[in-house]
PDB file of N, CA and C in Angstrom:
ATOM      1  N   UNK A   1     -97.402  67.398 -20.397  1.00  0.00           N
ATOM      2  CA  UNK A   1     -96.707  66.935 -19.100  1.00  0.00           C
ATOM      3  C   UNK A   1     -94.723  66.524 -19.933  1.00  0.00           C
ATOM      4  N   UNK A   2     -94.354  66.894 -18.857  1.00  0.00           N
ATOM      5  CA  UNK A   2     -92.859  66.716 -19.235  1.00  0.00           C
ATOM      6  C   UNK A   2     -91.868  66.161 -17.814  1.00  0.00           C
ATOM      7  N   UNK A   3     -91.247  65.112 -18.553  1.00  0.00           N
ATOM      8  CA  UNK A   3     -90.646  63.896 -17.644  1.00  0.00           C
ATOM      9  C   UNK A   3     -89.315  64.856 -18.057  1.00  0.00           C
ATOM     10  N   UNK A   4     -88.348  64.538 -17.182  1.00  0.00           N
ATOM     11  CA  UNK A   4     -87.051  64.810 -17.078  1.00  0.00           C
ATOM     12  C   UNK A   4     -86.141  63.811 -16.065  1.00  0.00           C
ATOM     13  N   UNK A   5     -85.034  63.123 -16.864  1.00  0.00           N
ATOM     14  CA  UNK A   5     -84.491  61.941 -16.151  1.00  0.00           C
ATOM     15  C   UNK A   5     -83.122  62.668 -16.228  1.00  0.00           C
ATOM     16  N   UNK A   6     -82.400  62.470 -15.313  1.00  0.00           N
ATOM     17  CA  UNK A   6     -80.243  62.610 -15.504  1.00  0.00           C
ATOM     18  C   UNK A   6     -79.762  62.041 -16.168  1.00  0.00           C
ATOM     19  N   UNK A   7     -79.120  61.753 -16.703  1.00  0.00           N
ATOM     20  CA  UNK A   7     -78.039  60.910 -17.524  1.00  0.00           C
ATOM     21  C   UNK A   7     -77.249  59.933 -16.123  1.00  0.00           C
ATOM     22  N   UNK A   8     -76.726  58.781 -16.376  1.00  0.00           N
ATOM     23  CA  UNK A   8     -76.005  58.170 -16.009  1.00  0.00           C
ATOM     24  C   UNK A   8     -76.821  57.434 -14.837  1.00  0.00           C
ATOM     25  N   UNK A   9     -78.138  57.297 -15.109  1.00  0.00           N
ATOM     26  CA  UNK A   9     -78.825  56.228 -14.279  1.00  0.00           C
ATOM     27  C   UNK A   9     -80.035  55.086 -15.338  1.00  0.00           C
ATOM     28  N   UNK A  10     -78.991  55.216 -16.201  1.00  0.00           N
ATOM     29  CA  UNK A  10     -80.065  54.000 -17.330  1.00  0.00           C
ATOM     30  C   UNK A  10     -80.333  52.567 -16.617  1.00  0.00           C
ATOM     31  N   UNK A  11     -79.222  52.137 -15.603  1.00  0.00           N
ATOM     32  CA  UNK A  11     -79.979  50.956 -15.097  1.00  0.00           C
ATOM     33  C   UNK A  11     -79.817  50.682 -13.558  1.00  0.00           C
ATOM     34  N   UNK A  12     -80.424  51.843 -13.113  1.00  0.00           N
ATOM     35  CA  UNK A  12     -80.655  51.915 -11.514  1.00  0.00           C
ATOM     36  C   UNK A  12     -82.293  51.920 -11.353  1.00  0.00           C
ATOM     37  N   UNK A  13     -82.391  51.616 -10.477  1.00  0.00           N
ATOM     38  CA  UNK A  13     -83.553  51.783  -9.610  1.00  0.00           C
ATOM     39  C   UNK A  13     -84.588  52.378  -9.473  1.00  0.00           C
ATOM     40  N   UNK A  14     -83.510  54.039  -9.226  1.00  0.00           N
ATOM     41  CA  UNK A  14     -84.054  54.892  -8.595  1.00  0.00           C
ATOM     42  C   UNK A  14     -83.278  55.929  -9.728  1.00  0.00           C
ATOM     43  N   UNK A  15     -84.372  56.641 -10.839  1.00  0.00           N
ATOM     44  CA  UNK A  15     -84.165  57.500 -11.814  1.00  0.00           C
ATOM     45  C   UNK A  15     -84.414  59.114 -11.284  1.00  0.00           C
ATOM     46  N   UNK A  16     -84.825  59.227 -10.029  1.00  0.00           N
ATOM     47  CA  UNK A  16     -84.807  60.980  -9.249  1.00  0.00           C
ATOM     48  C   UNK A  16     -85.538  61.318 -10.641  1.00  0.00           C
ATOM     49  N   UNK A  17     -87.064  61.003 -10.909  1.00  0.00           N
ATOM     50  CA  UNK A  17     -87.458  61.782 -12.352  1.00  0.00           C
ATOM     51  C   UNK A  17     -87.858  63.000 -11.787  1.00  0.00           C
ATOM     52  N   UNK A  18     -87.896  64.294 -12.644  1.00  0.00           N
ATOM     53  CA  UNK A  18     -88.842  65.525 -12.470  1.00  0.00           C
ATOM     54  C   UNK A  18     -89.983  65.577 -13.609  1.00  0.00           C
ATOM     55  N   UNK A  19     -90.562  65.934 -12.820  1.00  0.00           N
ATOM     56  CA  UNK A  19     -92.101  65.945 -13.973  1.00  0.00           C
ATOM     57  C   UNK A  19     -92.524  66.940 -13.582  1.00  0.00           C
ATOM     58  N   UNK A  20     -92.954  67.814 -14.737  1.00  0.00           N
ATOM     59  CA  UNK A  20     -93.458  69.521 -14.621  1.00  0.00           C
ATOM     60  C   UNK A  20     -94.550  69.437 -15.835  1.00  0.00           C
ATOM     61  N   UNK A  21     -95.650  70.402 -15.214  1.00  0.00           N
ATOM     62  CA  UNK A  21     -96.609  70.144 -16.308  1.00  0.00           C
ATOM     63  C   UNK A  21     -96.439  71.704 -16.499  1.00  0.00           C
ATOM     64  N   UNK A  22     -96.874  72.060 -18.353  1.00  0.00           N
ATOM     65  CA  UNK A  22     -96.748  73.300 -18.668  1.00  0.00           C
ATOM     66  C   UNK A  22     -97.456  74.199 -17.974  1.00  0.00           C
ATOM     67  N   UNK A  23     -97.682  75.828 -18.402  1.00  0.00           N
ATOM     68  CA  UNK A  23     -98.773  76.714 -18.053  1.00  0.00           C
ATOM     69  C   UNK A  23     -99.360  76.706 -19.246  1.00  0.00           C
ATOM     70  N   UNK A  24    -100.472  77.679 -19.128  1.00  0.00           N
ATOM     71  CA  UNK A  24    -101.618  77.739 -20.605  1.00  0.00           C
ATOM     72  C   UNK A  24    -101.013  78.378 -21.766  1.00  0.00           C
ATOM     73  N   UNK A  25     -99.556  78.568 -21.772  1.00  0.00           N
ATOM     74  CA  UNK A  25     -98.479  79.360 -22.726  1.00  0.00           C
ATOM     75  C   UNK A  25     -97.797  78.177 -23.012  1.00  0.00           C
ATOM     76  N   UNK A  26     -97.693  77.157 -22.520  1.00  0.00           N
ATOM     77  CA  UNK A  26     -96.775  75.831 -23.155  1.00  0.00           C
ATOM     78  C   UNK A  26     -95.360  76.037 -22.271  1.00  0.00           C
ATOM     79  N   UNK A  27     -94.989  76.776 -21.535  1.00  0.00           N
ATOM     80  CA  UNK A  27     -93.885  77.307 -20.800  1.00  0.00           C
ATOM     81  C   UNK A  27     -93.709  76.624 -19.716  1.00  0.00           C
ATOM     82  N   UNK A  28     -92.821  75.831 -19.248  1.00  0.00           N
ATOM     83  CA  UNK A  28     -92.452  75.132 -18.034  1.00  0.00           C
ATOM     84  C   UNK A  28     -91.350  75.931 -17.502  1.00  0.00           C
ATOM     85  N   UNK A  29     -90.754  75.655 -15.982  1.00  0.00           N
ATOM     86  CA  UNK A  29     -89.545  76.394 -15.684  1.00  0.00           C
ATOM     87  C   UNK A  29     -89.197  75.290 -15.121  1.00  0.00           C
ATOM     88  N   UNK A  30     -87.565  74.891 -14.687  1.00  0.00           N
ATOM     89  CA  UNK A  30     -87.216  73.749 -14.427  1.00  0.00           C
ATOM     90  C   UNK A  30     -85.875  74.581 -13.357  1.00  0.00           C
ATOM     91  N   UNK A  31     -85.763  73.857 -12.392  1.00  0.00           N
ATOM     92  CA  UNK A  31     -85.075  74.496 -11.541  1.00  0.00           C
ATOM     93  C   UNK A  31     -83.658  73.046 -11.526  1.00  0.00           C
ATOM     94  N   UNK A  32     -82.761  73.257 -12.639  1.00  0.00           N
ATOM     95  CA  UNK A  32     -81.490  71.886 -12.758  1.00  0.00           C
ATOM     96  C   UNK A  32     -80.861  71.728 -11.109  1.00  0.00           C
ATOM     97  N   UNK A  33     -80.590  70.761 -10.897  1.00  0.00           N
ATOM     98  CA  UNK A  33     -80.009  69.909  -9.702  1.00  0.00           C
ATOM     99  C   UNK A  33     -78.325  70.264  -9.708  1.00  0.00           C
ATOM    100  N   UNK A  34     -78.144  69.501 -11.184  1.00  0.00           N
ATOM    101  CA  UNK A  34     -76.771  69.381 -11.977  1.00  0.00           C
ATOM    102  C   UNK A  34     -76.307  69.956 -12.872  1.00  0.00           C
ATOM    103  N   UNK A  35     -75.208  70.160 -13.600  1.00  0.00           N
ATOM    104  CA  UNK A  35     -74.792  69.961 -14.729  1.00  0.00           C
ATOM    105  C   UNK A  35     -74.941  68.737 -15.187  1.00  0.00           C
ATOM    106  N   UNK A  36     -74.765  68.244 -16.426  1.00  0.00           N
ATOM    107  CA  UNK A  36     -74.733  67.460 -17.095  1.00  0.00           C
ATOM    108  C   UNK A  36     -76.207  66.645 -18.083  1.00  0.00           C
ATOM    109  N   UNK A  37     -75.741  66.026 -19.083  1.00  0.00           N
ATOM    110  CA  UNK A  37     -76.710  65.339 -19.548  1.00  0.00           C
ATOM    111  C   UNK A  37     -78.020  65.471 -18.974  1.00  0.00           C
ATOM    112  N   UNK A  38     -79.015  65.243 -19.877  1.00  0.00           N
ATOM    113  CA  UNK A  38     -80.779  64.788 -19.165  1.00  0.00           C
ATOM    114  C   UNK A  38     -81.664  64.736 -20.326  1.00  0.00           C
ATOM    115  N   UNK A  39     -82.230  63.466 -20.063  1.00  0.00           N
ATOM    116  CA  UNK A  39     -83.133  62.941 -20.763  1.00  0.00           C
ATOM    117  C   UNK A  39     -84.955  63.539 -20.885  1.00  0.00           C
ATOM    118  N   UNK A  40     -85.293  64.694 -21.546  1.00  0.00           N
ATOM    119  CA  UNK A  40     -86.647  65.156 -21.793  1.00  0.00           C
ATOM    120  C   UNK A  40     -87.764  64.746 -22.645  1.00  0.00           C
ATOM    121  N   UNK A  41     -88.458  64.122 -22.006  1.00  0.00           N
ATOM    122  CA  UNK A  41     -89.849  63.564 -22.839  1.00  0.00           C
ATOM    123  C   UNK A  41     -90.832  64.360 -22.033  1.00  0.00           C
ATOM    124  N   UNK A  42     -91.545  64.803 -23.545  1.00  0.00           N
ATOM    125  CA  UNK A  42     -92.853  65.639 -23.406  1.00  0.00           C
ATOM    126  C   UNK A  42     -93.862  65.444 -24.129  1.00  0.00           C
ATOM    127  N   UNK A  43     -94.893  64.887 -23.645  1.00  0.00           N
ATOM    128  CA  UNK A  43     -96.580  64.233 -23.978  1.00  0.00           C
ATOM    129  C   UNK A  43     -97.474  65.188 -24.030  1.00  0.00           C
ATOM    130  N   UNK A  44     -98.736  65.555 -25.435  1.00  0.00           N
ATOM    131  CA  UNK A  44     -99.426  66.402 -25.013  1.00  0.00           C
ATOM    132  C   UNK A  44    -100.499  65.601 -25.808  1.00  0.00           C
ATOM    133  N   UNK A  45    -101.842  65.334 -25.452  1.00  0.00           N
ATOM    134  CA  UNK A  45    -102.087  65.667 -24.133  1.00  0.00           C
ATOM    135  C   UNK A  45    -101.856  64.849 -23.061  1.00  0.00           C
ATOM    136  N   UNK A  46    -101.988  65.687 -21.855  1.00  0.00           N
ATOM    137  CA  UNK A  46    -101.784  64.934 -20.680  1.00  0.00           C
ATOM    138  C   UNK A  46    -103.040  63.944 -20.681  1.00  0.00           C
ATOM    139  N   UNK A  47    -102.008  62.365 -20.318  1.00  0.00           N
ATOM    140  CA  UNK A  47    -102.994  61.062 -19.935  1.00  0.00           C
ATOM    141  C   UNK A  47    -103.900  61.793 -18.593  1.00  0.00           C
ATOM    142  N   UNK A  48    -105.556  61.441 -18.753  1.00  0.00           N
ATOM    143  CA  UNK A  48    -106.089  61.499 -17.465  1.00  0.00           C
ATOM    144  C   UNK A  48    -105.763  60.707 -16.155  1.00  0.00           C
ATOM    145  N   UNK A  49    -106.381  60.916 -15.265  1.00  0.00           N
ATOM    146  CA  UNK A  49    -106.281  60.097 -14.417  1.00  0.00           C
ATOM    147  C   UNK A  49    -106.733  58.450 -14.320  1.00  0.00           C
ATOM    148  N   UNK A  50    -106.441  57.627 -13.717  1.00  0.00           N
ATOM    149  CA  UNK A  50    -107.230  56.674 -13.356  1.00  0.00           C
ATOM    150  C   UNK A  50    -108.807  56.640 -12.676  1.00  0.00           C
ATOM    151  N   UNK A  51    -109.790  55.592 -13.304  1.00  0.00           N
ATOM    152  CA  UNK A  51    -110.973  56.321 -12.618  1.00  0.00           C
ATOM    153  C   UNK A  51    -111.081  55.318 -11.687  1.00  0.00           C
ATOM    154  N   UNK A  52    -112.037  54.821 -10.756  1.00  0.00           N
ATOM    155  CA  UNK A  52    -112.213  54.406  -9.150  1.00  0.00           C
ATOM    156  C   UNK A  52    -111.973  53.031  -9.976  1.00  0.00           C
ATOM    157  N   UNK A  53    -112.629  52.508 -11.130  1.00  0.00           N
ATOM    158  CA  UNK A  53    -112.675  50.986 -11.042  1.00  0.00           C
ATOM    159  C   UNK A  53    -111.284  50.319 -11.886  1.00  0.00           C
ATOM    160  N   UNK A  54    -110.265  51.178 -11.829  1.00  0.00           N
ATOM    161  CA  UNK A  54    -108.513  51.062 -12.138  1.00  0.00           C
ATOM    162  C   UNK A  54    -108.425  51.274 -13.598  1.00  0.00           C
ATOM    163  N   UNK A  55    -109.557  51.704 -14.689  1.00  0.00           N
ATOM    164  CA  UNK A  55    -109.198  51.866 -15.679  1.00  0.00           C
ATOM    165  C   UNK A  55    -108.873  53.091 -16.006  1.00  0.00           C
ATOM    166  N   UNK A  56    -108.234  53.666 -17.097  1.00  0.00           N
ATOM    167  CA  UNK A  56    -107.838  54.770 -17.772  1.00  0.00           C
ATOM    168  C   UNK A  56    -109.172  54.800 -18.378  1.00  0.00           C
ATOM    169  N   UNK A  57    -109.720  56.912 -18.622  1.00  0.00           N
ATOM    170  CA  UNK A  57    -110.668  56.946 -19.955  1.00  0.00           C
ATOM    171  C   UNK A  57    -109.822  56.721 -21.453  1.00  0.00           C
ATOM    172  N   UNK A  58    -110.601  56.864 -22.396  1.00  0.00           N
ATOM    173  CA  UNK A  58    -110.682  56.638 -23.421  1.00  0.00           C
ATOM    174  C   UNK A  58    -109.221  57.844 -23.845  1.00  0.00           C
ATOM    175  N   UNK A  59    -108.200  57.361 -24.273  1.00  0.00           N
ATOM    176  CA  UNK A  59    -107.189  58.632 -24.854  1.00  0.00           C
ATOM    177  C   UNK A  59    -107.732  59.272 -26.036  1.00  0.00           C
ATOM    178  N   UNK A  60    -107.370  60.692 -26.168  1.00  0.00           N
ATOM    179  CA  UNK A  60    -107.947  61.299 -27.453  1.00  0.00           C
ATOM    180  C   UNK A  60    -107.160  60.514 -28.920  1.00  0.00           C
ATOM    181  N   UNK A  61    -108.011  61.260 -30.144  1.00  0.00           N
ATOM    182  CA  UNK A  61    -107.486  60.651 -31.252  1.00  0.00           C
ATOM    183  C   UNK A  61    -106.173  60.676 -31.760  1.00  0.00           C
ATOM    184  N   UNK A  62    -105.406  61.982 -31.494  1.00  0.00           N
ATOM    185  CA  UNK A  62    -104.035  62.242 -31.710  1.00  0.00           C
ATOM    186  C   UNK A  62    -103.422  62.507 -30.344  1.00  0.00           C
ATOM    187  N   UNK A  63    -102.503  61.870 -30.210  1.00  0.00           N
ATOM    188  CA  UNK A  63    -101.240  62.355 -29.314  1.00  0.00           C
ATOM    189  C   UNK A  63     -99.694  62.681 -29.601  1.00  0.00           C
ATOM    190  N   UNK A  64     -99.062  63.664 -28.892  1.00  0.00           N
ATOM    191  CA  UNK A  64     -97.985  64.255 -29.596  1.00  0.00           C
ATOM    192  C   UNK A  64     -96.977  63.943 -28.391  1.00  0.00           C
ATOM    193  N   UNK A  65     -95.857  63.075 -29.057  1.00  0.00           N
ATOM    194  CA  UNK A  65     -94.846  63.222 -27.981  1.00  0.00           C
ATOM    195  C   UNK A  65     -93.319  63.434 -28.883  1.00  0.00           C
ATOM    196  N   UNK A  66     -92.383  63.745 -27.671  1.00  0.00           N
ATOM    197  CA  UNK A  66     -91.301  64.484 -28.078  1.00  0.00           C
ATOM    198  C   UNK A  66     -90.250  64.057 -27.185  1.00  0.00           C
ATOM    199  N   UNK A  67     -89.187  63.875 -27.492  1.00  0.00           N
ATOM    200  CA  UNK A  67     -88.201  63.510 -26.634  1.00  0.00           C
ATOM    201  C   UNK A  67     -86.718  63.973 -27.159  1.00  0.00           C
ATOM    202  N   UNK A  68     -86.251  64.063 -26.532  1.00  0.00           N
ATOM    203  CA  UNK A  68     -85.042  64.912 -26.317  1.00  0.00           C
ATOM    204  C   UNK A  68     -83.510  64.557 -25.326  1.00  0.00           C
ATOM    205  N   UNK A  69     -82.091  65.226 -25.943  1.00  0.00           N
ATOM    206  CA  UNK A  69     -81.376  64.875 -24.713  1.00  0.00           C
ATOM    207  C   UNK A  69     -81.032  66.098 -24.783  1.00  0.00           C
ATOM    208  N   UNK A  70     -79.912  66.733 -23.656  1.00  0.00           N
ATOM    209  CA  UNK A  70     -79.772  68.075 -23.823  1.00  0.00           C
ATOM    210  C   UNK A  70     -78.979  68.335 -22.419  1.00  0.00           C
ATOM    211  N   UNK A  71     -77.956  69.119 -22.845  1.00  0.00           N
ATOM    212  CA  UNK A  71     -76.893  69.185 -22.122  1.00  0.00           C
ATOM    213  C   UNK A  71     -77.279  70.469 -20.829  1.00  0.00           C
ATOM    214  N   UNK A  72     -76.896  70.467 -19.578  1.00  0.00           N
ATOM    215  CA  UNK A  72     -77.094  71.751 -18.985  1.00  0.00           C
ATOM    216  C   UNK A  72     -75.557  72.079 -18.333  1.00  0.00           C
ATOM    217  N   UNK A  73     -75.285  73.374 -18.488  1.00  0.00           N
ATOM    218  CA  UNK A  73     -73.805  73.681 -18.275  1.00  0.00           C
ATOM    219  C   UNK A  73     -73.445  74.124 -17.022  1.00  0.00           C
ATOM    220  N   UNK A  74     -72.788  73.852 -16.358  1.00  0.00           N
ATOM    221  CA  UNK A  74     -72.659  74.553 -15.052  1.00  0.00           C
ATOM    222  C   UNK A  74     -72.705  76.308 -15.159  1.00  0.00           C
ATOM    223  N   UNK A  75     -72.627  76.982 -14.600  1.00  0.00           N
ATOM    224  CA  UNK A  75     -72.591  79.000 -14.356  1.00  0.00           C
ATOM    225  C   UNK A  75     -71.726  78.961 -14.236  1.00  0.00           C
TER     226      UNK A  75
END
């Protein structure tokens, strides 16, 4: 799962987060709303949904996270 947040919203209540899930080849497609700085966080494997009793299933032994800041330029 990929989480994308535009820069300049650090202490605001609404982040305007974009989430995406990759295809079987690990590729995502994003339509950038504006040029500017973006924070991206990639997590693998994606956490399972909550169970009926409000608890999450056990997490896998290994999880991977990657975070980066990228600049999207205007065309």
